[in-house]
Protein backbone atom coordinates (compact mmCIF):
# COMPACT_ATOMS: atom_id res chain seq x y z
CA GLU A 1 96.99 89.69 75.64
CA ALA A 2 96.64 87.71 78.89
CA ASP A 3 94.07 85.20 77.62
CA ARG A 4 95.78 82.21 75.97
CA ALA A 5 92.89 81.41 73.61
CA MET A 6 92.58 85.04 72.56
CA ALA A 7 96.33 85.34 72.02
CA SER A 8 96.24 82.24 69.81
CA ALA A 9 93.36 83.68 67.77
CA LEU A 10 95.18 86.99 67.39
CA ARG A 11 98.27 85.22 66.06
CA GLU A 12 96.13 83.64 63.35
CA ILE A 13 94.61 87.00 62.47
CA VAL A 14 97.93 88.83 62.11
CA GLY A 15 99.34 85.87 60.19
CA ASP A 16 102.54 86.77 58.39
CA MET A 17 102.58 90.46 59.31
CA THR A 18 106.23 91.11 60.08
CA ASN A 19 105.57 94.33 61.99
CA VAL A 20 103.12 92.78 64.48
CA GLU A 21 103.98 90.67 67.52
CA VAL A 22 101.39 89.16 69.86
CA VAL A 23 102.74 88.96 73.41
CA GLU A 24 100.91 86.53 75.65
CA ALA A 25 101.29 88.18 79.05
CA ASP A 26 99.64 90.32 81.72
CA ILE A 27 100.59 93.93 81.01
CA MET A 28 100.65 94.71 84.74
CA GLU A 29 103.36 92.09 85.16
CA THR A 30 105.32 93.16 82.08
CA ASP A 31 107.93 95.91 82.13
CA PRO A 32 107.43 97.97 78.95
CA ALA A 33 111.21 98.30 78.74
CA SER A 34 111.46 94.54 78.16
CA LEU A 35 109.45 94.89 74.93
CA LEU A 36 111.61 97.64 73.45
CA GLY A 37 114.87 95.81 72.85
CA GLY A 38 116.83 97.68 75.52
CA GLU A 39 118.25 101.18 75.78
CA GLY A 40 119.81 102.96 72.85
CA ALA A 41 123.33 104.35 72.63
CA GLY A 42 122.26 107.49 74.48
CA GLY A 43 120.77 105.53 77.36
CA GLU A 44 117.22 106.22 76.18
CA TYR A 45 114.58 103.71 75.13
CA PRO A 46 113.08 103.78 71.62
CA SER A 47 110.04 106.04 71.29
CA TYR A 48 106.71 104.23 71.33
CA LYS A 49 103.00 104.88 71.77
CA VAL A 50 100.31 102.99 73.67
CA VAL A 51 96.90 102.52 72.01
CA ALA A 52 94.50 100.37 74.00
CA ASN A 53 90.97 99.57 75.04
CA ILE A 54 91.79 98.80 78.66
CA PRO A 55 89.77 97.06 81.39
CA TYR A 56 88.03 99.92 83.17
CA TYR A 57 88.51 98.46 86.64
CA ILE A 58 92.30 98.78 86.38
CA THR A 59 92.49 102.11 84.55
CA SER A 60 94.51 103.84 87.27
CA PRO A 61 97.05 101.01 87.78
CA ILE A 62 97.64 100.72 84.02
CA LEU A 63 98.21 104.45 83.57
CA ARG A 64 100.60 104.55 86.53
CA HIS A 65 102.38 101.46 85.17
CA PHE A 66 103.33 103.31 82.00
CA LEU A 67 103.73 106.85 83.35
CA GLU A 68 105.86 105.99 86.36
CA GLY A 69 108.11 103.42 84.66
CA SER A 70 111.63 103.86 83.32
CA ALA A 71 110.51 103.54 79.68
CA ARG A 72 107.62 105.97 79.34
CA PRO A 73 105.75 106.18 76.02
CA SER A 74 105.54 109.43 74.08
CA MET A 75 101.75 109.15 74.04
CA LEU A 76 98.89 107.04 75.32
CA VAL A 77 95.49 106.84 73.62
CA VAL A 78 93.08 104.75 75.67
CA MET A 79 89.35 104.29 76.08
CA VAL A 80 88.15 104.92 79.62
CA GLN A 81 84.90 105.42 81.48
CA LYS A 82 83.51 108.91 80.84
CA GLU A 83 83.61 109.96 84.49
CA VAL A 84 87.20 108.79 84.82
CA GLY A 85 88.29 110.68 81.71
CA GLU A 86 86.63 113.85 82.98
CA ALA A 87 88.32 113.39 86.37
CA ILE A 88 91.76 112.97 84.78
CA THR A 89 91.39 116.15 82.70
CA ALA A 90 89.98 118.23 85.59
CA ARG A 91 91.41 121.58 86.61
CA SER A 92 91.85 123.32 89.96
CA GLY A 93 88.63 123.09 91.93
CA LYS A 94 87.85 119.55 90.80
CA MET A 95 91.25 117.90 91.06
CA SER A 96 91.71 114.33 92.31
CA ILE A 97 94.74 112.24 93.15
CA LEU A 98 94.39 110.56 89.74
CA ALA A 99 94.33 113.94 87.96
CA VAL A 100 97.45 115.08 89.80
CA SER A 101 99.24 111.81 89.03
CA VAL A 102 98.48 111.88 85.30
CA GLN A 103 98.98 115.63 84.81
CA PHE A 104 102.34 115.47 86.59
CA TYR A 105 103.65 113.25 83.78
CA GLY A 106 101.51 114.22 80.80
CA GLU A 107 98.94 116.46 79.15
CA PRO A 108 95.59 114.63 79.07
CA ALA A 109 92.74 115.55 76.74
CA ILE A 110 89.43 113.96 75.79
CA VAL A 111 89.52 113.53 72.01
CA GLY A 112 86.42 111.43 71.44
CA ARG A 113 83.20 110.30 73.07
CA VAL A 114 81.71 106.82 72.79
CA SER A 115 78.09 106.16 73.72
CA ALA A 116 77.18 103.03 75.65
CA ARG A 117 74.86 102.28 72.70
CA SER A 118 77.94 101.72 70.54
CA PHE A 119 78.37 98.33 72.23
CA TYR A 120 76.26 95.20 72.43
CA PRO A 121 75.20 94.41 75.00
CA ALA A 122 75.27 98.06 76.04
CA PRO A 123 77.15 98.77 79.28
CA LYS A 124 75.71 101.11 81.91
CA VAL A 125 78.31 103.82 81.31
CA ASP A 126 79.44 106.02 78.43
CA SER A 127 83.10 106.13 77.46
CA VAL A 128 85.65 108.61 76.14
CA VAL A 129 88.86 108.34 74.18
CA LEU A 130 91.62 109.85 76.31
CA ARG A 131 94.89 111.08 74.82
CA ILE A 132 97.86 111.68 77.09
CA ARG A 133 100.88 113.42 75.58
CA VAL A 134 103.70 112.38 77.88
CA ARG A 135 106.03 115.19 78.94
CA GLY A 136 109.80 114.99 78.53
CA GLN A 137 110.03 116.33 82.08
CA PRO A 138 107.38 116.43 84.84
CA ALA A 139 105.00 119.40 84.76
CA VAL A 140 106.52 120.83 87.95
CA GLU A 141 110.05 120.58 89.30
CA VAL A 142 110.36 118.59 92.51
CA CYS A 143 113.53 117.29 94.12
CA ASP A 144 111.85 114.08 95.30
CA SER A 145 108.91 112.70 93.32
CA GLY A 146 108.33 110.03 95.97
CA LYS A 147 107.86 112.70 98.61
CA PHE A 148 105.69 114.73 96.23
CA PHE A 149 103.23 111.87 95.81
CA ALA A 150 103.35 111.03 99.53
CA VAL A 151 102.20 114.59 100.25
CA VAL A 152 99.52 114.39 97.53
CA ARG A 153 98.21 111.08 98.92
CA ALA A 154 98.09 112.57 102.40
CA GLY A 155 96.23 115.63 101.14
CA PHE A 156 93.60 113.47 99.46
CA SER A 157 93.40 110.96 102.33
CA ALA A 158 90.35 112.83 103.63
CA PRO A 159 89.26 114.98 100.66
CA ARG A 160 86.24 116.45 102.47
CA LYS A 161 88.42 117.83 105.25
CA GLN A 162 90.44 121.01 105.27
CA LEU A 163 94.02 120.45 104.12
CA ARG A 164 95.36 121.29 107.56
CA ASN A 165 93.50 118.30 108.96
CA SER A 166 93.94 115.84 106.08
CA LEU A 167 97.70 116.46 105.96
CA ALA A 168 97.98 116.08 109.72
CA GLN A 169 96.09 112.80 109.52
CA GLY A 170 97.92 111.50 106.45
CA LEU A 171 101.45 112.45 107.52
CA GLY A 172 101.12 111.94 111.25
CA VAL A 173 101.86 115.53 112.28
CA SER A 174 99.92 117.99 114.41
CA GLY A 175 97.26 120.20 112.90
CA GLN A 176 99.16 123.27 114.04
CA ARG A 177 102.33 122.12 112.32
CA SER A 178 100.60 121.24 109.07
CA GLY A 179 98.81 124.60 109.13
CA GLU A 180 102.10 126.45 109.52
CA ILE A 181 103.66 124.52 106.64
CA LEU A 182 100.68 125.30 104.41
CA GLU A 183 100.90 129.00 105.22
CA ARG A 184 104.62 129.06 104.38
CA ALA A 185 103.72 127.47 101.03
CA GLY A 186 101.20 130.24 100.40
CA ILE A 187 98.21 127.90 100.74
CA ASP A 188 95.15 128.55 102.89
CA PRO A 189 95.12 125.83 105.59
CA ARG A 190 91.32 125.75 105.26
CA ALA A 191 91.49 124.84 101.55
CA ARG A 192 90.61 121.39 100.30
CA ALA A 193 92.88 119.16 98.24
CA GLU A 194 90.72 119.43 95.11
CA THR A 195 91.45 123.17 94.84
CA LEU A 196 95.23 122.88 94.62
CA THR A 197 97.23 123.09 91.39
CA LEU A 198 100.34 121.05 90.60
CA GLU A 199 102.41 124.13 91.42
CA ASP A 200 100.74 124.32 94.85
CA TRP A 201 101.60 120.67 95.55
CA ALA A 202 105.21 121.27 94.48
CA ARG A 203 105.59 124.25 96.85
CA LEU A 204 103.94 122.31 99.65
CA THR A 205 106.32 119.39 99.11
CA GLU A 206 109.30 121.74 99.26
CA GLU A 207 108.06 123.21 102.53
CA MET A 208 107.47 119.72 103.94
CA ILE A 209 111.04 118.70 103.07
CA HIS A 210 112.39 121.94 104.54
CA ASP A 211 110.38 121.38 107.72
CA GLU A 212 111.77 117.86 108.10
CA THR A 213 115.38 118.44 107.07
CA GLY A 214 116.04 122.18 107.22
CA VAL A 215 117.08 121.96 103.57
CA ARG A 216 115.23 123.30 100.55
CA GLY A 217 115.15 121.24 97.34
C-alpha cells in the first residue's frame, strides 16, 4: 500500500495476525523478489500468488512488472476494466501487444464479471476478474525474448498498416526487406499484426535474427 494513512489503517485492521504483513511501498518500485526472503536452495524463489484490485490506469505496467521479473508468481487474479480483460484474452484476429505480452508468459482467462453498479459511486466502465496462470516456460520458444518483443512492438507500431510496412517503419528497414522476411516466416506481408499468433511472432523473430546475423536461434 503506497498511501501512508491507508497503510496505517490496514495495520490496525490486521492487528496481531502473524501471517499478514502490510508493506508501505509503491509496488512499481518494489521488486517482488525482495518480499520473498530470497532464493531457495535450488535457486528458485518461493511460490506465491498475486490477488489485487489494481489501479486501472497502470494495468499494463503492473502485469509486466510481475510477468517479466525474475520472481514470477504462479498465478495472478486481478480486477481490470472489461475492455482490457477482453483484449488480454483475445485470440488471433483481435490480438494486441498487451495480449501477446501476457499470453507469452501465462494463460489468461476471465473468471468473473463485475457491473459498474456494484460500486458507489458507479464508475463509467464495467470490470472483470482476470486470472492468469503463469507458465513455467514461455508459450513459444525464442532464443532472445528481448528481440521477440522488439519485433512485436514494431509490428504493432502502426496496427492499421500491413505488416510489411509497420515492420519497416518500426525496425528501420526497407519495405522490400521486411516483406521478404515475412514470406520466409510463412506470413503474408499484407497481413496485419492483430492476425498473428504467438507462433507466428516466434517464427518472424527467428527470421529477423537470421537476416541480421546469418544464424538461426
